[in-house]
Amino acid sequence: MLDLTESVTIPKGLLKGLCAGLVKVEEALATIEELMDKESLERIRKAEDEYRNGEYVTVRSGREIRKLAE
């Protein structure tokens, strides 16, 4: 059974703020991880080159992606 001396009450706004902050930290760490990976950097550079050269396709749905993959 939970003893009340072992619990803490946290205001809902503070908890939401902490969660939002953790999401931002996670996103930053994922970005750093991506930038540290050589293959990922090569993929990013290739995608940037394709974008600059107009060698890209835009789609509006997953169905359109599947059509392109066929």
C-alpha atoms as a PDB file:
ATOM      1  CA  MET A   1       0.000   0.000   0.000  1.00  0.00           C
ATOM      2  CA  LEU A   2       1.197   3.532  -0.835  1.00  0.00           C
ATOM      3  CA  ASP A   3       2.224   5.578   2.159  1.00  0.00           C
ATOM      4  CA  LEU A   4       1.330   9.272   1.738  1.00  0.00           C
ATOM      5  CA  THR A   5       4.783  10.274   2.940  1.00  0.00           C
ATOM      6  CA  GLU A   6       6.197   8.581  -0.175  1.00  0.00           C
ATOM      7  CA  SER A   7       4.179  10.581  -2.704  1.00  0.00           C
ATOM      8  CA  VAL A   8       4.417  14.085  -4.073  1.00  0.00           C
ATOM      9  CA  THR A   9       1.725  16.253  -5.619  1.00  0.00           C
ATOM     10  CA  ILE A  10       2.763  18.035  -8.811  1.00  0.00           C
ATOM     11  CA  PRO A  11       0.652  20.760 -10.404  1.00  0.00           C
ATOM     12  CA  LYS A  12      -0.752  19.659 -13.760  1.00  0.00           C
ATOM     13  CA  GLY A  13       0.783  22.664 -15.561  1.00  0.00           C
ATOM     14  CA  LEU A  14       4.247  21.839 -14.243  1.00  0.00           C
ATOM     15  CA  LEU A  15       3.899  18.206 -15.301  1.00  0.00           C
ATOM     16  CA  LYS A  16       2.814  19.253 -18.807  1.00  0.00           C
ATOM     17  CA  GLY A  17       5.777  21.627 -19.020  1.00  0.00           C
ATOM     18  CA  LEU A  18       8.194  18.901 -17.943  1.00  0.00           C
ATOM     19  CA  CYS A  19       6.778  16.518 -20.539  1.00  0.00           C
ATOM     20  CA  ALA A  20       7.067  19.151 -23.272  1.00  0.00           C
ATOM     21  CA  GLY A  21      10.662  19.821 -22.227  1.00  0.00           C
ATOM     22  CA  LEU A  22      11.494  16.123 -22.338  1.00  0.00           C
ATOM     23  CA  VAL A  23      10.091  15.885 -25.858  1.00  0.00           C
ATOM     24  CA  LYS A  24      12.362  18.749 -26.959  1.00  0.00           C
ATOM     25  CA  VAL A  25      15.396  17.089 -25.357  1.00  0.00           C
ATOM     26  CA  GLU A  26      14.555  13.796 -27.069  1.00  0.00           C
ATOM     27  CA  GLU A  27      14.236  15.528 -30.430  1.00  0.00           C
ATOM     28  CA  ALA A  28      17.572  17.287 -29.942  1.00  0.00           C
ATOM     29  CA  LEU A  29      19.278  14.007 -29.006  1.00  0.00           C
ATOM     30  CA  ALA A  30      17.785  12.270 -32.048  1.00  0.00           C
ATOM     31  CA  THR A  31      19.095  15.063 -34.277  1.00  0.00           C
ATOM     32  CA  ILE A  32      22.563  14.843 -32.748  1.00  0.00           C
ATOM     33  CA  GLU A  33      22.534  11.070 -33.174  1.00  0.00           C
ATOM     34  CA  GLU A  34      21.560  11.460 -36.836  1.00  0.00           C
ATOM     35  CA  LEU A  35      24.311  14.008 -37.458  1.00  0.00           C
ATOM     36  CA  MET A  36      26.920  11.757 -35.835  1.00  0.00           C
ATOM     37  CA  ASP A  37      26.155   8.887 -38.230  1.00  0.00           C
ATOM     38  CA  LYS A  38      28.213   8.978 -41.455  1.00  0.00           C
ATOM     39  CA  GLU A  39      25.562   7.203 -43.554  1.00  0.00           C
ATOM     40  CA  SER A  40      22.876   9.577 -42.325  1.00  0.00           C
ATOM     41  CA  LEU A  41      24.980  12.607 -43.223  1.00  0.00           C
ATOM     42  CA  GLU A  42      25.538  11.241 -46.720  1.00  0.00           C
ATOM     43  CA  ARG A  43      21.790  10.643 -47.106  1.00  0.00           C
ATOM     44  CA  ILE A  44      21.046  14.208 -45.917  1.00  0.00           C
ATOM     45  CA  ARG A  45      23.596  15.706 -48.319  1.00  0.00           C
ATOM     46  CA  LYS A  46      22.200  13.683 -51.222  1.00  0.00           C
ATOM     47  CA  ALA A  47      18.656  14.776 -50.377  1.00  0.00           C
ATOM     48  CA  GLU A  48      19.751  18.431 -50.207  1.00  0.00           C
ATOM     49  CA  ASP A  49      21.414  18.138 -53.625  1.00  0.00           C
ATOM     50  CA  GLU A  50      18.305  16.520 -55.104  1.00  0.00           C
ATOM     51  CA  TYR A  51      16.169  19.298 -53.639  1.00  0.00           C
ATOM     52  CA  ARG A  52      18.421  22.039 -55.027  1.00  0.00           C
ATOM     53  CA  ASN A  53      18.332  20.390 -58.472  1.00  0.00           C
ATOM     54  CA  GLY A  54      14.541  19.991 -58.421  1.00  0.00           C
ATOM     55  CA  GLU A  55      14.854  16.196 -58.416  1.00  0.00           C
ATOM     56  CA  TYR A  56      12.074  15.504 -55.950  1.00  0.00           C
ATOM     57  CA  VAL A  57       8.405  14.567 -55.982  1.00  0.00           C
ATOM     58  CA  THR A  58       5.720  15.806 -53.619  1.00  0.00           C
ATOM     59  CA  VAL A  59       2.844  13.595 -52.530  1.00  0.00           C
ATOM     60  CA  ARG A  60      -0.265  14.165 -50.458  1.00  0.00           C
ATOM     61  CA  SER A  61      -0.869  10.692 -49.095  1.00  0.00           C
ATOM     62  CA  GLY A  62       0.640   7.317 -48.384  1.00  0.00           C
ATOM     63  CA  ARG A  63      -1.285   5.953 -51.345  1.00  0.00           C
ATOM     64  CA  GLU A  64       0.656   8.253 -53.680  1.00  0.00           C
ATOM     65  CA  ILE A  65       3.936   7.031 -52.147  1.00  0.00           C
ATOM     66  CA  ARG A  66       2.949   3.430 -52.780  1.00  0.00           C
ATOM     67  CA  LYS A  67       2.120   4.284 -56.428  1.00  0.00           C
ATOM     68  CA  LEU A  68       5.586   5.783 -56.882  1.00  0.00           C
ATOM     69  CA  ALA A  69       7.236   2.727 -55.359  1.00  0.00           C
ATOM     70  CA  GLU A  70       5.617   0.374 -57.891  1.00  0.00           C
END
